[in-house]
Amino acid sequence: MKRVRLLLPLLLLPLAACADPTPTPSAPTITTTEYVRTPADCTKLELTALVVEPGHGYIFGTHAEWLPKGQFVRIRVAITNADNIFHTTRTSDYELDDATGTAHPVSNDAMAIKRQSTEVTIGAGNRLELDLWYDIPLDTAPKLLRDNVCATTTTLPG
């Protein structure tokens, strides 16, 4: 009986060592808010269309090939940040109006195949050039770029 009394604390010691005296804190909850451009952003970002290439019958990249429903149009743009802070813009903010006045959003498939960012942050005083790809009908031509957030338009060269 004495042996049991002496061994009992020794047997319970490993169990006591495994017990966690403090409760584990739960992971913090992360909330994100969608970025929204403001009127202040609109006055600081300048969009310039540099090159317009209509009539692409297909595109290919490092991981895919794609046919348009009509024709692909590539528009090389320069976005200049005239402010002293960072500004963010999305390629989905820019629609292409064709000669009939129909607005076309950027082609997400073409943008992904050509590895163009869907959201870009431009540093203070920096200029960024990127390609915007659109899929428009064959029987029309590109006319102008429309910024849906800032309600501005950019004429296309040529």
C-alpha atoms as a PDB file:
ATOM      1  CA  MET A   1       0.000   0.000   0.000  1.00  0.00           C
ATOM      2  CA  LYS A   2       2.872   2.331   0.812  1.00  0.00           C
ATOM      3  CA  ARG A   3       4.344   1.641  -2.596  1.00  0.00           C
ATOM      4  CA  VAL A   4       1.110   2.632  -4.306  1.00  0.00           C
ATOM      5  CA  ARG A   5       1.020   5.894  -2.380  1.00  0.00           C
ATOM      6  CA  LEU A   6       4.604   6.638  -3.397  1.00  0.00           C
ATOM      7  CA  LEU A   7       4.094   5.677  -7.049  1.00  0.00           C
ATOM      8  CA  LEU A   8       0.792   7.490  -7.497  1.00  0.00           C
ATOM      9  CA  PRO A   9       2.305  11.015  -7.473  1.00  0.00           C
ATOM     10  CA  LEU A  10       5.012   9.866  -9.870  1.00  0.00           C
ATOM     11  CA  LEU A  11       2.403   8.502 -12.275  1.00  0.00           C
ATOM     12  CA  LEU A  12       0.336  11.701 -12.144  1.00  0.00           C
ATOM     13  CA  LEU A  13       3.342  13.991 -12.665  1.00  0.00           C
ATOM     14  CA  PRO A  14       3.537  13.543 -16.485  1.00  0.00           C
ATOM     15  CA  LEU A  15      -0.185  14.314 -16.782  1.00  0.00           C
ATOM     16  CA  ALA A  16       0.210  17.506 -14.784  1.00  0.00           C
ATOM     17  CA  ALA A  17       3.179  18.555 -16.930  1.00  0.00           C
ATOM     18  CA  CYS A  18       1.120  18.210 -20.125  1.00  0.00           C
ATOM     19  CA  ALA A  19      -1.732  20.386 -18.906  1.00  0.00           C
ATOM     20  CA  ASP A  20      -1.708  23.934 -20.306  1.00  0.00           C
ATOM     21  CA  PRO A  21      -2.334  26.397 -17.485  1.00  0.00           C
ATOM     22  CA  THR A  22      -3.122  29.347 -19.810  1.00  0.00           C
ATOM     23  CA  PRO A  23      -5.804  29.199 -22.486  1.00  0.00           C
ATOM     24  CA  THR A  24      -4.615  29.625 -26.091  1.00  0.00           C
ATOM     25  CA  PRO A  25      -5.633  32.998 -27.525  1.00  0.00           C
ATOM     26  CA  SER A  26      -7.733  32.799 -30.666  1.00  0.00           C
ATOM     27  CA  ALA A  27      -6.353  34.126 -33.941  1.00  0.00           C
ATOM     28  CA  PRO A  28      -7.226  37.745 -34.644  1.00  0.00           C
ATOM     29  CA  THR A  29     -10.016  38.335 -37.129  1.00  0.00           C
ATOM     30  CA  ILE A  30      -8.788  40.085 -40.248  1.00  0.00           C
ATOM     31  CA  THR A  31     -11.236  42.275 -42.073  1.00  0.00           C
ATOM     32  CA  THR A  32     -10.521  43.785 -45.443  1.00  0.00           C
ATOM     33  CA  THR A  33     -12.255  46.588 -47.215  1.00  0.00           C
ATOM     34  CA  GLU A  34     -12.382  46.904 -50.948  1.00  0.00           C
ATOM     35  CA  TYR A  35     -10.279  49.736 -52.330  1.00  0.00           C
ATOM     36  CA  VAL A  36     -12.311  52.597 -53.741  1.00  0.00           C
ATOM     37  CA  ARG A  37     -10.800  55.446 -55.712  1.00  0.00           C
ATOM     38  CA  THR A  38     -11.820  58.882 -54.528  1.00  0.00           C
ATOM     39  CA  PRO A  39     -12.246  62.174 -56.437  1.00  0.00           C
ATOM     40  CA  ALA A  40      -8.829  63.151 -55.066  1.00  0.00           C
ATOM     41  CA  ASP A  41      -7.331  60.121 -56.820  1.00  0.00           C
ATOM     42  CA  CYS A  42      -8.972  61.185 -60.069  1.00  0.00           C
ATOM     43  CA  THR A  43      -7.259  64.557 -60.053  1.00  0.00           C
ATOM     44  CA  LYS A  44      -3.830  63.029 -59.407  1.00  0.00           C
ATOM     45  CA  LEU A  45      -3.774  60.132 -61.914  1.00  0.00           C
ATOM     46  CA  GLU A  46      -3.370  61.031 -65.571  1.00  0.00           C
ATOM     47  CA  LEU A  47      -4.140  58.402 -68.231  1.00  0.00           C
ATOM     48  CA  THR A  48      -2.566  58.707 -71.679  1.00  0.00           C
ATOM     49  CA  ALA A  49      -3.231  56.294 -74.541  1.00  0.00           C
ATOM     50  CA  LEU A  50       0.043  55.645 -76.387  1.00  0.00           C
ATOM     51  CA  VAL A  51      -0.659  52.872 -78.915  1.00  0.00           C
ATOM     52  CA  VAL A  52      -3.826  51.290 -80.303  1.00  0.00           C
ATOM     53  CA  GLU A  53      -3.603  47.932 -82.088  1.00  0.00           C
ATOM     54  CA  PRO A  54      -6.999  46.629 -83.280  1.00  0.00           C
ATOM     55  CA  GLY A  55      -7.573  43.441 -85.247  1.00  0.00           C
ATOM     56  CA  HIS A  56      -5.749  40.803 -83.215  1.00  0.00           C
ATOM     57  CA  GLY A  57      -7.261  37.468 -84.296  1.00  0.00           C
ATOM     58  CA  TYR A  58      -5.780  35.554 -81.345  1.00  0.00           C
ATOM     59  CA  ILE A  59      -3.408  36.001 -78.461  1.00  0.00           C
ATOM     60  CA  PHE A  60      -0.940  33.673 -76.844  1.00  0.00           C
ATOM     61  CA  GLY A  61       1.150  33.804 -73.723  1.00  0.00           C
ATOM     62  CA  THR A  62       3.418  31.543 -71.747  1.00  0.00           C
ATOM     63  CA  HIS A  63       0.538  29.383 -70.567  1.00  0.00           C
ATOM     64  CA  ALA A  64      -2.423  29.787 -72.926  1.00  0.00           C
ATOM     65  CA  GLU A  65      -3.792  30.722 -76.332  1.00  0.00           C
ATOM     66  CA  TRP A  66      -7.147  32.415 -76.780  1.00  0.00           C
ATOM     67  CA  LEU A  67      -9.480  33.354 -79.611  1.00  0.00           C
ATOM     68  CA  PRO A  68     -11.655  36.464 -79.346  1.00  0.00           C
ATOM     69  CA  LYS A  69     -15.397  36.540 -79.861  1.00  0.00           C
ATOM     70  CA  GLY A  70     -14.731  39.370 -82.325  1.00  0.00           C
ATOM     71  CA  GLN A  71     -11.288  40.983 -82.346  1.00  0.00           C
ATOM     72  CA  PHE A  72      -8.797  41.775 -79.648  1.00  0.00           C
ATOM     73  CA  VAL A  73      -7.705  45.380 -79.281  1.00  0.00           C
ATOM     74  CA  ARG A  74      -4.513  46.201 -77.399  1.00  0.00           C
ATOM     75  CA  ILE A  75      -4.196  49.687 -75.984  1.00  0.00           C
ATOM     76  CA  ARG A  76      -0.869  50.673 -74.441  1.00  0.00           C
ATOM     77  CA  VAL A  77      -1.495  53.292 -71.773  1.00  0.00           C
ATOM     78  CA  ALA A  78       0.666  55.355 -69.459  1.00  0.00           C
ATOM     79  CA  ILE A  79      -0.694  56.242 -66.033  1.00  0.00           C
ATOM     80  CA  THR A  80       1.159  59.057 -64.322  1.00  0.00           C
ATOM     81  CA  ASN A  81       0.821  59.787 -60.612  1.00  0.00           C
ATOM     82  CA  ALA A  82       1.245  63.535 -60.093  1.00  0.00           C
ATOM     83  CA  ASP A  83       0.801  63.296 -56.331  1.00  0.00           C
ATOM     84  CA  ASN A  84       3.341  62.872 -53.525  1.00  0.00           C
ATOM     85  CA  ILE A  85       1.650  59.691 -52.205  1.00  0.00           C
ATOM     86  CA  PHE A  86       0.788  56.285 -53.649  1.00  0.00           C
ATOM     87  CA  HIS A  87      -2.416  55.811 -55.645  1.00  0.00           C
ATOM     88  CA  THR A  88      -4.079  52.580 -56.753  1.00  0.00           C
ATOM     89  CA  THR A  89      -6.139  51.970 -59.861  1.00  0.00           C
ATOM     90  CA  ARG A  90      -7.798  48.944 -61.434  1.00  0.00           C
ATOM     91  CA  THR A  91      -7.782  48.006 -65.083  1.00  0.00           C
ATOM     92  CA  SER A  92     -11.478  47.172 -64.769  1.00  0.00           C
ATOM     93  CA  ASP A  93     -12.123  50.906 -64.232  1.00  0.00           C
ATOM     94  CA  TYR A  94     -11.323  51.593 -67.902  1.00  0.00           C
ATOM     95  CA  GLU A  95     -13.824  50.670 -70.610  1.00  0.00           C
ATOM     96  CA  LEU A  96     -13.344  50.984 -74.346  1.00  0.00           C
ATOM     97  CA  ASP A  97     -16.056  52.748 -76.329  1.00  0.00           C
ATOM     98  CA  ASP A  98     -16.287  51.626 -79.937  1.00  0.00           C
ATOM     99  CA  ALA A  99     -17.428  53.601 -82.987  1.00  0.00           C
ATOM    100  CA  THR A 100     -21.080  52.681 -82.305  1.00  0.00           C
ATOM    101  CA  GLY A 101     -20.874  54.041 -78.752  1.00  0.00           C
ATOM    102  CA  THR A 102     -20.960  50.625 -77.068  1.00  0.00           C
ATOM    103  CA  ALA A 103     -18.779  50.252 -73.979  1.00  0.00           C
ATOM    104  CA  HIS A 104     -16.598  47.153 -73.629  1.00  0.00           C
ATOM    105  CA  PRO A 105     -14.898  46.034 -70.398  1.00  0.00           C
ATOM    106  CA  VAL A 106     -11.329  44.751 -70.404  1.00  0.00           C
ATOM    107  CA  SER A 107     -11.035  41.107 -71.400  1.00  0.00           C
ATOM    108  CA  ASN A 108     -10.088  39.285 -68.209  1.00  0.00           C
ATOM    109  CA  ASP A 109      -8.929  36.269 -70.209  1.00  0.00           C
ATOM    110  CA  ALA A 110      -6.651  38.316 -72.451  1.00  0.00           C
ATOM    111  CA  MET A 111      -5.314  40.319 -69.500  1.00  0.00           C
ATOM    112  CA  ALA A 112      -4.441  37.116 -67.627  1.00  0.00           C
ATOM    113  CA  ILE A 113      -2.833  35.472 -70.657  1.00  0.00           C
ATOM    114  CA  LYS A 114      -0.737  38.569 -71.278  1.00  0.00           C
ATOM    115  CA  ARG A 115       0.048  38.746 -67.538  1.00  0.00           C
ATOM    116  CA  GLN A 116      -1.206  42.272 -67.054  1.00  0.00           C
ATOM    117  CA  SER A 117      -2.104  43.285 -63.508  1.00  0.00           C
ATOM    118  CA  THR A 118      -5.741  43.884 -62.638  1.00  0.00           C
ATOM    119  CA  GLU A 119      -4.802  46.339 -59.887  1.00  0.00           C
ATOM    120  CA  VAL A 120      -1.734  48.543 -59.806  1.00  0.00           C
ATOM    121  CA  THR A 121      -0.317  50.860 -57.181  1.00  0.00           C
ATOM    122  CA  ILE A 122       1.683  53.746 -58.578  1.00  0.00           C
ATOM    123  CA  GLY A 123       4.266  55.465 -56.422  1.00  0.00           C
ATOM    124  CA  ALA A 124       4.583  59.190 -55.883  1.00  0.00           C
ATOM    125  CA  GLY A 125       5.650  60.968 -59.047  1.00  0.00           C
ATOM    126  CA  ASN A 126       5.909  57.694 -60.992  1.00  0.00           C
ATOM    127  CA  ARG A 127       4.668  56.691 -64.426  1.00  0.00           C
ATOM    128  CA  LEU A 128       3.485  53.188 -65.274  1.00  0.00           C
ATOM    129  CA  GLU A 129       2.891  51.745 -68.733  1.00  0.00           C
ATOM    130  CA  LEU A 130       0.675  48.721 -69.261  1.00  0.00           C
ATOM    131  CA  ASP A 131      -1.477  47.076 -71.913  1.00  0.00           C
ATOM    132  CA  LEU A 132      -5.249  47.006 -71.741  1.00  0.00           C
ATOM    133  CA  TRP A 133      -6.839  44.217 -73.801  1.00  0.00           C
ATOM    134  CA  TYR A 134     -10.419  44.367 -75.061  1.00  0.00           C
ATOM    135  CA  ASP A 135     -12.587  41.981 -77.082  1.00  0.00           C
ATOM    136  CA  ILE A 136     -14.857  43.991 -79.403  1.00  0.00           C
ATOM    137  CA  PRO A 137     -16.962  43.044 -82.463  1.00  0.00           C
ATOM    138  CA  LEU A 138     -15.222  42.729 -85.836  1.00  0.00           C
ATOM    139  CA  ASP A 139     -17.429  45.307 -87.533  1.00  0.00           C
ATOM    140  CA  THR A 140     -16.461  48.223 -85.299  1.00  0.00           C
ATOM    141  CA  ALA A 141     -13.378  50.197 -84.320  1.00  0.00           C
ATOM    142  CA  PRO A 142     -12.084  51.552 -80.992  1.00  0.00           C
ATOM    143  CA  LYS A 143     -13.009  55.184 -80.350  1.00  0.00           C
ATOM    144  CA  LEU A 144     -12.068  56.264 -76.806  1.00  0.00           C
ATOM    145  CA  LEU A 145     -11.221  55.059 -73.299  1.00  0.00           C
ATOM    146  CA  ARG A 146     -13.688  55.809 -70.544  1.00  0.00           C
ATOM    147  CA  ASP A 147     -12.744  55.916 -66.865  1.00  0.00           C
ATOM    148  CA  ASN A 148     -15.914  54.770 -65.097  1.00  0.00           C
ATOM    149  CA  VAL A 149     -14.773  55.861 -61.649  1.00  0.00           C
ATOM    150  CA  CYS A 150     -13.687  59.390 -62.528  1.00  0.00           C
ATOM    151  CA  ALA A 151     -16.205  59.888 -65.372  1.00  0.00           C
ATOM    152  CA  THR A 152     -13.475  61.044 -67.764  1.00  0.00           C
ATOM    153  CA  THR A 153     -12.600  60.021 -71.303  1.00  0.00           C
ATOM    154  CA  THR A 154      -9.275  59.677 -73.099  1.00  0.00           C
ATOM    155  CA  THR A 155      -8.987  60.019 -76.848  1.00  0.00           C
ATOM    156  CA  LEU A 156      -7.090  57.332 -78.692  1.00  0.00           C
ATOM    157  CA  PRO A 157      -4.165  58.105 -81.001  1.00  0.00           C
ATOM    158  CA  GLY A 158      -4.581  57.653 -84.733  1.00  0.00           C
END
